[in-house]
């Protein structure tokens, strides 16, 4: 059976600019402007079909960047990713156009994924009912709360039935009843052997739902493996991290960000 995902030395490098003028100079002039920043560096892992992999790490570790690469929203700078199957990502506003209504967003996103208008009509009501947006579906998305956007994004993604499902903090907004509904849907996908990546600050959800954990720290792999083992190590780190003073946390983050701004040979 082929792997769902094979990632080898995945690296994502961005340019950070102090102002718009510096960005324009970097585009137009031969001299390089801006600061190179490694959001991910040499991240490698394999996901079996049916794996539920939790992505953990403090803010700025690269979890969302990796999610966006896995879902095809952004390309990696270097390294290789082999993905066997269709992917779908859910975050608070993934792929939603604020100027369009909820209904128009359903049609647009599904058309982009290759569904026919007839197929979309057949799916539409299920999406609207799952998102619980019946009264608001013909209102522009810019008027939606974060919770409503998340519900719409989740409802579209689960109804298109992807092979690989990436959930990026989608359950951290909205009410508990809808979060429970989403978890039940994800458990259904798990029983059907879908592969999932799950980004959440809830250790309890991770422990309940995931069989593997990928711990990222400042863009690099800190640990990858069995949920109990890696989460145990991560919880021990968080316990220590939460006891640090504000100054100690700032020093830790500054050291990590400085490492992300250097070429590997200089680290």
C-alpha atoms as a PDB file:
ATOM      1  CA  UNK A   1       0.000   0.000   0.000  1.00  0.00           C
ATOM      2  CA  UNK A   2       1.502   3.383  -0.979  1.00  0.00           C
ATOM      3  CA  UNK A   3       2.206   6.007   1.649  1.00  0.00           C
ATOM      4  CA  UNK A   4      -0.287   8.867   1.870  1.00  0.00           C
ATOM      5  CA  UNK A   5       2.514  11.447   2.105  1.00  0.00           C
ATOM      6  CA  UNK A   6       6.303  11.276   1.924  1.00  0.00           C
ATOM      7  CA  UNK A   7       8.106  14.519   2.834  1.00  0.00           C
ATOM      8  CA  UNK A   8      11.875  14.779   2.455  1.00  0.00           C
ATOM      9  CA  UNK A   9      13.887  17.795   3.609  1.00  0.00           C
ATOM     10  CA  UNK A  10      10.996  20.207   3.051  1.00  0.00           C
ATOM     11  CA  UNK A  11      12.179  23.791   3.386  1.00  0.00           C
ATOM     12  CA  UNK A  12      10.222  27.021   3.023  1.00  0.00           C
ATOM     13  CA  UNK A  13      12.086  30.317   2.838  1.00  0.00           C
ATOM     14  CA  UNK A  14      10.420  33.728   2.871  1.00  0.00           C
ATOM     15  CA  UNK A  15      11.729  37.251   2.523  1.00  0.00           C
ATOM     16  CA  UNK A  16      10.962  39.726   5.325  1.00  0.00           C
ATOM     17  CA  UNK A  17      10.923  43.418   4.406  1.00  0.00           C
ATOM     18  CA  UNK A  18      11.002  46.440   6.677  1.00  0.00           C
ATOM     19  CA  UNK A  19       8.822  48.470   4.306  1.00  0.00           C
ATOM     20  CA  UNK A  20       7.194  48.470   0.856  1.00  0.00           C
ATOM     21  CA  UNK A  21      10.126  50.364  -0.648  1.00  0.00           C
ATOM     22  CA  UNK A  22      12.521  47.569   0.300  1.00  0.00           C
ATOM     23  CA  UNK A  23      10.172  45.002  -1.272  1.00  0.00           C
ATOM     24  CA  UNK A  24      10.076  46.963  -4.575  1.00  0.00           C
ATOM     25  CA  UNK A  25      13.864  47.352  -4.616  1.00  0.00           C
ATOM     26  CA  UNK A  26      14.253  43.598  -4.195  1.00  0.00           C
ATOM     27  CA  UNK A  27      11.995  43.033  -7.212  1.00  0.00           C
ATOM     28  CA  UNK A  28      13.572  45.641  -9.482  1.00  0.00           C
ATOM     29  CA  UNK A  29      17.274  45.851  -8.568  1.00  0.00           C
ATOM     30  CA  UNK A  30      20.016  43.204  -8.910  1.00  0.00           C
ATOM     31  CA  UNK A  31      21.143  43.654  -5.293  1.00  0.00           C
ATOM     32  CA  UNK A  32      19.265  41.538  -2.771  1.00  0.00           C
ATOM     33  CA  UNK A  33      17.099  43.384  -0.239  1.00  0.00           C
ATOM     34  CA  UNK A  34      15.140  42.061   2.735  1.00  0.00           C
ATOM     35  CA  UNK A  35      15.936  39.367   5.274  1.00  0.00           C
ATOM     36  CA  UNK A  36      15.665  35.678   4.445  1.00  0.00           C
ATOM     37  CA  UNK A  37      13.559  33.725   6.928  1.00  0.00           C
ATOM     38  CA  UNK A  38      13.203  29.934   7.110  1.00  0.00           C
ATOM     39  CA  UNK A  39       9.663  29.091   8.172  1.00  0.00           C
ATOM     40  CA  UNK A  40      10.547  25.402   7.672  1.00  0.00           C
ATOM     41  CA  UNK A  41      13.933  23.746   7.302  1.00  0.00           C
ATOM     42  CA  UNK A  42      14.623  20.116   6.316  1.00  0.00           C
ATOM     43  CA  UNK A  43      11.358  18.699   7.646  1.00  0.00           C
ATOM     44  CA  UNK A  44      11.003  14.986   6.811  1.00  0.00           C
ATOM     45  CA  UNK A  45       8.289  12.474   7.702  1.00  0.00           C
ATOM     46  CA  UNK A  46       6.076   9.776   6.228  1.00  0.00           C
ATOM     47  CA  UNK A  47       2.318   9.407   6.715  1.00  0.00           C
ATOM     48  CA  UNK A  48       0.680   6.030   6.234  1.00  0.00           C
ATOM     49  CA  UNK A  49      -2.840   5.898   4.833  1.00  0.00           C
ATOM     50  CA  UNK A  50      -5.175   6.259   7.825  1.00  0.00           C
ATOM     51  CA  UNK A  51      -2.650   8.096  10.029  1.00  0.00           C
ATOM     52  CA  UNK A  52      -3.952  10.944  12.160  1.00  0.00           C
ATOM     53  CA  UNK A  53      -0.953  13.208  12.741  1.00  0.00           C
ATOM     54  CA  UNK A  54      -1.051  16.070  15.220  1.00  0.00           C
ATOM     55  CA  UNK A  55       1.148  19.107  14.551  1.00  0.00           C
ATOM     56  CA  UNK A  56       2.351  20.788  17.748  1.00  0.00           C
ATOM     57  CA  UNK A  57       4.752  23.577  18.645  1.00  0.00           C
ATOM     58  CA  UNK A  58       4.674  27.071  20.104  1.00  0.00           C
ATOM     59  CA  UNK A  59       3.480  29.947  17.899  1.00  0.00           C
ATOM     60  CA  UNK A  60       5.841  30.561  14.992  1.00  0.00           C
ATOM     61  CA  UNK A  61       7.016  26.953  14.769  1.00  0.00           C
ATOM     62  CA  UNK A  62       5.848  26.443  11.177  1.00  0.00           C
ATOM     63  CA  UNK A  63       2.669  24.405  11.712  1.00  0.00           C
ATOM     64  CA  UNK A  64       0.467  26.557   9.453  1.00  0.00           C
ATOM     65  CA  UNK A  65       3.215  26.853   6.828  1.00  0.00           C
ATOM     66  CA  UNK A  66       3.478  23.068   6.652  1.00  0.00           C
ATOM     67  CA  UNK A  67      -0.326  22.782   6.498  1.00  0.00           C
ATOM     68  CA  UNK A  68      -0.422  25.197   3.556  1.00  0.00           C
ATOM     69  CA  UNK A  69       2.310  23.286   1.722  1.00  0.00           C
ATOM     70  CA  UNK A  70       0.567  19.942   2.261  1.00  0.00           C
ATOM     71  CA  UNK A  71      -2.681  21.382   0.920  1.00  0.00           C
ATOM     72  CA  UNK A  72      -1.016  22.941  -2.133  1.00  0.00           C
ATOM     73  CA  UNK A  73      -1.726  26.559  -1.158  1.00  0.00           C
ATOM     74  CA  UNK A  74       1.982  27.451  -1.234  1.00  0.00           C
ATOM     75  CA  UNK A  75       4.951  25.529  -2.692  1.00  0.00           C
ATOM     76  CA  UNK A  76       8.014  24.509  -0.733  1.00  0.00           C
ATOM     77  CA  UNK A  77      11.275  26.312  -1.560  1.00  0.00           C
ATOM     78  CA  UNK A  78      13.210  23.049  -1.655  1.00  0.00           C
ATOM     79  CA  UNK A  79      12.794  19.412  -0.714  1.00  0.00           C
ATOM     80  CA  UNK A  80      10.322  16.879  -2.047  1.00  0.00           C
ATOM     81  CA  UNK A  81       6.728  15.982  -1.185  1.00  0.00           C
ATOM     82  CA  UNK A  82       4.882  13.021  -2.662  1.00  0.00           C
ATOM     83  CA  UNK A  83       1.122  13.188  -1.984  1.00  0.00           C
ATOM     84  CA  UNK A  84      -1.118  10.282  -2.939  1.00  0.00           C
ATOM     85  CA  UNK A  85      -4.664  11.639  -3.031  1.00  0.00           C
ATOM     86  CA  UNK A  86      -6.697  14.843  -2.929  1.00  0.00           C
ATOM     87  CA  UNK A  87      -6.107  17.196  -0.017  1.00  0.00           C
ATOM     88  CA  UNK A  88      -8.361  19.750   1.674  1.00  0.00           C
ATOM     89  CA  UNK A  89      -7.445  22.256   4.372  1.00  0.00           C
ATOM     90  CA  UNK A  90      -9.733  23.827   6.941  1.00  0.00           C
ATOM     91  CA  UNK A  91      -8.711  26.958   8.783  1.00  0.00           C
ATOM     92  CA  UNK A  92     -10.795  29.936   9.863  1.00  0.00           C
ATOM     93  CA  UNK A  93     -11.157  31.357   6.348  1.00  0.00           C
ATOM     94  CA  UNK A  94      -9.415  28.913   4.005  1.00  0.00           C
ATOM     95  CA  UNK A  95     -10.121  29.816   0.389  1.00  0.00           C
ATOM     96  CA  UNK A  96     -13.130  32.030   1.145  1.00  0.00           C
ATOM     97  CA  UNK A  97     -13.766  35.232  -0.834  1.00  0.00           C
ATOM     98  CA  UNK A  98     -15.067  37.915   1.524  1.00  0.00           C
ATOM     99  CA  UNK A  99     -16.842  39.765  -1.290  1.00  0.00           C
ATOM    100  CA  UNK A 100     -18.990  36.764  -2.230  1.00  0.00           C
ATOM    101  CA  UNK A 101     -21.905  35.265  -0.342  1.00  0.00           C
ATOM    102  CA  UNK A 102     -21.659  31.949   1.438  1.00  0.00           C
ATOM    103  CA  UNK A 103     -23.580  30.233  -1.376  1.00  0.00           C
ATOM    104  CA  UNK A 104     -21.334  31.785  -4.035  1.00  0.00           C
ATOM    105  CA  UNK A 105     -18.261  30.633  -2.092  1.00  0.00           C
ATOM    106  CA  UNK A 106     -19.585  27.076  -2.067  1.00  0.00           C
ATOM    107  CA  UNK A 107     -20.007  27.142  -5.836  1.00  0.00           C
ATOM    108  CA  UNK A 108     -16.658  28.815  -6.506  1.00  0.00           C
ATOM    109  CA  UNK A 109     -14.626  26.491  -4.294  1.00  0.00           C
ATOM    110  CA  UNK A 110     -16.319  23.362  -5.629  1.00  0.00           C
ATOM    111  CA  UNK A 111     -15.908  24.485  -9.265  1.00  0.00           C
ATOM    112  CA  UNK A 112     -12.196  25.031  -8.611  1.00  0.00           C
ATOM    113  CA  UNK A 113     -12.015  21.460  -7.303  1.00  0.00           C
ATOM    114  CA  UNK A 114     -13.506  20.103 -10.523  1.00  0.00           C
ATOM    115  CA  UNK A 115     -17.136  19.493  -9.531  1.00  0.00           C
ATOM    116  CA  UNK A 116     -19.869  20.158 -12.094  1.00  0.00           C
ATOM    117  CA  UNK A 117     -22.682  22.612 -11.393  1.00  0.00           C
ATOM    118  CA  UNK A 118     -25.104  19.710 -11.093  1.00  0.00           C
ATOM    119  CA  UNK A 119     -22.890  17.983  -8.529  1.00  0.00           C
ATOM    120  CA  UNK A 120     -22.615  21.249  -6.600  1.00  0.00           C
ATOM    121  CA  UNK A 121     -26.397  21.660  -6.543  1.00  0.00           C
ATOM    122  CA  UNK A 122     -26.681  18.137  -5.114  1.00  0.00           C
ATOM    123  CA  UNK A 123     -24.101  18.909  -2.392  1.00  0.00           C
ATOM    124  CA  UNK A 124     -25.130  22.472  -1.601  1.00  0.00           C
ATOM    125  CA  UNK A 125     -27.948  21.869   0.875  1.00  0.00           C
ATOM    126  CA  UNK A 126     -25.907  19.336   2.865  1.00  0.00           C
ATOM    127  CA  UNK A 127     -23.091  21.895   3.119  1.00  0.00           C
ATOM    128  CA  UNK A 128     -25.452  24.670   4.257  1.00  0.00           C
ATOM    129  CA  UNK A 129     -27.152  22.460   6.846  1.00  0.00           C
ATOM    130  CA  UNK A 130     -23.862  21.153   8.246  1.00  0.00           C
ATOM    131  CA  UNK A 131     -22.539  24.725   8.559  1.00  0.00           C
ATOM    132  CA  UNK A 132     -25.792  25.803  10.254  1.00  0.00           C
ATOM    133  CA  UNK A 133     -25.876  28.941   8.101  1.00  0.00           C
ATOM    134  CA  UNK A 134     -29.354  28.673   6.585  1.00  0.00           C
ATOM    135  CA  UNK A 135     -30.335  32.269   7.460  1.00  0.00           C
ATOM    136  CA  UNK A 136     -26.988  33.739   6.456  1.00  0.00           C
ATOM    137  CA  UNK A 137     -25.932  31.718   3.406  1.00  0.00           C
ATOM    138  CA  UNK A 138     -26.862  34.521   0.964  1.00  0.00           C
ATOM    139  CA  UNK A 139     -25.075  37.216   2.959  1.00  0.00           C
ATOM    140  CA  UNK A 140     -21.510  38.302   2.026  1.00  0.00           C
ATOM    141  CA  UNK A 141     -18.824  36.361   3.890  1.00  0.00           C
ATOM    142  CA  UNK A 142     -17.229  39.637   5.023  1.00  0.00           C
ATOM    143  CA  UNK A 143     -20.180  39.992   7.408  1.00  0.00           C
ATOM    144  CA  UNK A 144     -19.545  36.549   8.968  1.00  0.00           C
ATOM    145  CA  UNK A 145     -17.916  36.013  12.343  1.00  0.00           C
ATOM    146  CA  UNK A 146     -14.778  33.864  12.570  1.00  0.00           C
ATOM    147  CA  UNK A 147     -16.927  31.013  13.813  1.00  0.00           C
ATOM    148  CA  UNK A 148     -19.294  31.260  10.843  1.00  0.00           C
ATOM    149  CA  UNK A 149     -16.374  31.320   8.385  1.00  0.00           C
ATOM    150  CA  UNK A 150     -14.859  28.296  10.073  1.00  0.00           C
ATOM    151  CA  UNK A 151     -18.161  26.415   9.934  1.00  0.00           C
ATOM    152  CA  UNK A 152     -18.570  27.171   6.228  1.00  0.00           C
ATOM    153  CA  UNK A 153     -14.987  26.136   5.433  1.00  0.00           C
ATOM    154  CA  UNK A 154     -15.351  22.933   7.433  1.00  0.00           C
ATOM    155  CA  UNK A 155     -18.711  22.068   5.865  1.00  0.00           C
ATOM    156  CA  UNK A 156     -17.399  22.527   2.310  1.00  0.00           C
ATOM    157  CA  UNK A 157     -14.288  20.436   2.965  1.00  0.00           C
ATOM    158  CA  UNK A 158     -16.007  17.472   4.632  1.00  0.00           C
ATOM    159  CA  UNK A 159     -18.612  17.289   1.889  1.00  0.00           C
ATOM    160  CA  UNK A 160     -16.067  17.187  -0.944  1.00  0.00           C
ATOM    161  CA  UNK A 161     -14.702  14.058   0.801  1.00  0.00           C
ATOM    162  CA  UNK A 162     -10.916  14.504   0.422  1.00  0.00           C
ATOM    163  CA  UNK A 163      -8.383  11.676   0.805  1.00  0.00           C
ATOM    164  CA  UNK A 164      -6.162  13.800   3.050  1.00  0.00           C
ATOM    165  CA  UNK A 165      -7.724  16.207   5.492  1.00  0.00           C
ATOM    166  CA  UNK A 166      -5.824  19.092   7.144  1.00  0.00           C
ATOM    167  CA  UNK A 167      -7.512  20.835  10.079  1.00  0.00           C
ATOM    168  CA  UNK A 168      -5.696  24.026  11.140  1.00  0.00           C
ATOM    169  CA  UNK A 169      -7.167  25.410  14.376  1.00  0.00           C
ATOM    170  CA  UNK A 170     -10.662  25.203  12.880  1.00  0.00           C
ATOM    171  CA  UNK A 171     -12.120  23.845  16.112  1.00  0.00           C
ATOM    172  CA  UNK A 172     -10.767  26.691  18.241  1.00  0.00           C
ATOM    173  CA  UNK A 173     -13.509  29.099  17.094  1.00  0.00           C
ATOM    174  CA  UNK A 174     -17.260  28.786  17.336  1.00  0.00           C
ATOM    175  CA  UNK A 175     -19.369  27.037  19.934  1.00  0.00           C
ATOM    176  CA  UNK A 176     -18.642  23.752  21.695  1.00  0.00           C
ATOM    177  CA  UNK A 177     -21.624  22.026  20.101  1.00  0.00           C
ATOM    178  CA  UNK A 178     -20.283  22.642  16.591  1.00  0.00           C
ATOM    179  CA  UNK A 179     -16.759  21.608  17.643  1.00  0.00           C
ATOM    180  CA  UNK A 180     -18.202  18.325  18.913  1.00  0.00           C
ATOM    181  CA  UNK A 181     -20.072  17.876  15.617  1.00  0.00           C
ATOM    182  CA  UNK A 182     -16.822  18.423  13.698  1.00  0.00           C
ATOM    183  CA  UNK A 183     -14.938  15.931  15.853  1.00  0.00           C
ATOM    184  CA  UNK A 184     -17.627  13.332  15.233  1.00  0.00           C
ATOM    185  CA  UNK A 185     -17.265  13.891  11.487  1.00  0.00           C
ATOM    186  CA  UNK A 186     -13.502  13.550  11.783  1.00  0.00           C
ATOM    187  CA  UNK A 187     -13.934  10.300  13.734  1.00  0.00           C
ATOM    188  CA  UNK A 188     -16.107   9.053  10.888  1.00  0.00           C
ATOM    189  CA  UNK A 189     -13.319   9.881   8.433  1.00  0.00           C
ATOM    190  CA  UNK A 190     -10.841   8.129  10.730  1.00  0.00           C
ATOM    191  CA  UNK A 191     -12.955   4.956  10.678  1.00  0.00           C
ATOM    192  CA  UNK A 192     -13.001   5.152   6.871  1.00  0.00           C
ATOM    193  CA  UNK A 193      -9.200   5.216   6.776  1.00  0.00           C
ATOM    194  CA  UNK A 194      -8.728   8.850   5.775  1.00  0.00           C
ATOM    195  CA  UNK A 195      -5.374  10.476   6.469  1.00  0.00           C
ATOM    196  CA  UNK A 196      -5.548  13.611   8.617  1.00  0.00           C
ATOM    197  CA  UNK A 197      -3.279  16.331   9.943  1.00  0.00           C
ATOM    198  CA  UNK A 198      -4.603  18.097  13.008  1.00  0.00           C
ATOM    199  CA  UNK A 199      -3.328  21.462  14.302  1.00  0.00           C
ATOM    200  CA  UNK A 200      -4.702  22.341  17.723  1.00  0.00           C
ATOM    201  CA  UNK A 201      -3.587  23.796  21.059  1.00  0.00           C
ATOM    202  CA  UNK A 202      -5.783  21.222  22.801  1.00  0.00           C
ATOM    203  CA  UNK A 203      -3.526  18.470  24.129  1.00  0.00           C
ATOM    204  CA  UNK A 204      -6.635  16.506  25.152  1.00  0.00           C
ATOM    205  CA  UNK A 205      -7.975  16.524  21.578  1.00  0.00           C
ATOM    206  CA  UNK A 206      -4.564  15.475  20.265  1.00  0.00           C
ATOM    207  CA  UNK A 207      -4.303  12.587  22.720  1.00  0.00           C
ATOM    208  CA  UNK A 208      -7.830  11.401  21.930  1.00  0.00           C
ATOM    209  CA  UNK A 209      -7.637  11.733  18.182  1.00  0.00           C
ATOM    210  CA  UNK A 210      -4.062  11.293  16.891  1.00  0.00           C
ATOM    211  CA  UNK A 211      -1.862   8.210  16.565  1.00  0.00           C
ATOM    212  CA  UNK A 212       1.281  10.215  15.696  1.00  0.00           C
ATOM    213  CA  UNK A 213       2.643  13.652  16.587  1.00  0.00           C
ATOM    214  CA  UNK A 214       5.013  15.909  14.646  1.00  0.00           C
ATOM    215  CA  UNK A 215       6.582  18.490  16.978  1.00  0.00           C
ATOM    216  CA  UNK A 216       8.003  21.513  15.171  1.00  0.00           C
ATOM    217  CA  UNK A 217      10.243  24.039  16.870  1.00  0.00           C
ATOM    218  CA  UNK A 218      11.226  27.177  14.949  1.00  0.00           C
ATOM    219  CA  UNK A 219      10.709  25.460  11.616  1.00  0.00           C
ATOM    220  CA  UNK A 220      12.624  22.261  12.366  1.00  0.00           C
ATOM    221  CA  UNK A 221      11.543  18.785  13.459  1.00  0.00           C
ATOM    222  CA  UNK A 222      11.958  18.442  17.213  1.00  0.00           C
ATOM    223  CA  UNK A 223      10.331  14.984  17.386  1.00  0.00           C
ATOM    224  CA  UNK A 224       8.087  12.704  15.341  1.00  0.00           C
ATOM    225  CA  UNK A 225       6.469   9.468  16.418  1.00  0.00           C
ATOM    226  CA  UNK A 226       3.975   7.803  18.740  1.00  0.00           C
ATOM    227  CA  UNK A 227       1.425  10.164  20.306  1.00  0.00           C
ATOM    228  CA  UNK A 228       2.012   9.199  23.941  1.00  0.00           C
ATOM    229  CA  UNK A 229       5.790   9.479  23.659  1.00  0.00           C
ATOM    230  CA  UNK A 230       6.025  12.755  21.715  1.00  0.00           C
ATOM    231  CA  UNK A 231       3.126  14.459  23.528  1.00  0.00           C
ATOM    232  CA  UNK A 232       4.699  13.465  26.838  1.00  0.00           C
ATOM    233  CA  UNK A 233       7.931  15.193  25.803  1.00  0.00           C
ATOM    234  CA  UNK A 234       6.021  18.222  24.484  1.00  0.00           C
ATOM    235  CA  UNK A 235       3.933  18.558  27.663  1.00  0.00           C
ATOM    236  CA  UNK A 236       7.125  18.417  29.764  1.00  0.00           C
ATOM    237  CA  UNK A 237       8.555  21.226  27.615  1.00  0.00           C
ATOM    238  CA  UNK A 238       5.350  23.303  27.948  1.00  0.00           C
ATOM    239  CA  UNK A 239       5.374  22.858  31.718  1.00  0.00           C
ATOM    240  CA  UNK A 240       8.904  24.269  31.817  1.00  0.00           C
ATOM    241  CA  UNK A 241       8.124  26.961  29.213  1.00  0.00           C
ATOM    242  CA  UNK A 242       5.083  28.190  31.149  1.00  0.00           C
ATOM    243  CA  UNK A 243       7.204  28.657  34.274  1.00  0.00           C
ATOM    244  CA  UNK A 244       9.710  30.874  32.502  1.00  0.00           C
ATOM    245  CA  UNK A 245       9.631  34.601  33.044  1.00  0.00           C
ATOM    246  CA  UNK A 246       8.628  36.922  30.210  1.00  0.00           C
ATOM    247  CA  UNK A 247      12.313  37.745  29.704  1.00  0.00           C
ATOM    248  CA  UNK A 248      13.268  34.055  29.481  1.00  0.00           C
ATOM    249  CA  UNK A 249      10.536  33.376  26.916  1.00  0.00           C
ATOM    250  CA  UNK A 250      11.646  36.338  24.812  1.00  0.00           C
ATOM    251  CA  UNK A 251      15.247  35.092  24.896  1.00  0.00           C
ATOM    252  CA  UNK A 252      14.115  31.610  23.815  1.00  0.00           C
ATOM    253  CA  UNK A 253      12.087  32.997  20.906  1.00  0.00           C
ATOM    254  CA  UNK A 254      14.798  35.444  19.830  1.00  0.00           C
ATOM    255  CA  UNK A 255      17.340  32.611  19.737  1.00  0.00           C
ATOM    256  CA  UNK A 256      14.975  30.510  17.630  1.00  0.00           C
ATOM    257  CA  UNK A 257      14.094  33.330  15.217  1.00  0.00           C
ATOM    258  CA  UNK A 258      17.795  34.185  14.817  1.00  0.00           C
ATOM    259  CA  UNK A 259      18.403  30.569  13.817  1.00  0.00           C
ATOM    260  CA  UNK A 260      15.570  30.744  11.281  1.00  0.00           C
ATOM    261  CA  UNK A 261      17.211  33.790   9.684  1.00  0.00           C
ATOM    262  CA  UNK A 262      20.576  32.105   9.071  1.00  0.00           C
ATOM    263  CA  UNK A 263      21.796  29.804   6.340  1.00  0.00           C
ATOM    264  CA  UNK A 264      22.175  26.247   7.626  1.00  0.00           C
ATOM    265  CA  UNK A 265      25.937  26.256   7.160  1.00  0.00           C
ATOM    266  CA  UNK A 266      26.176  29.194   9.568  1.00  0.00           C
ATOM    267  CA  UNK A 267      23.912  27.735  12.268  1.00  0.00           C
END
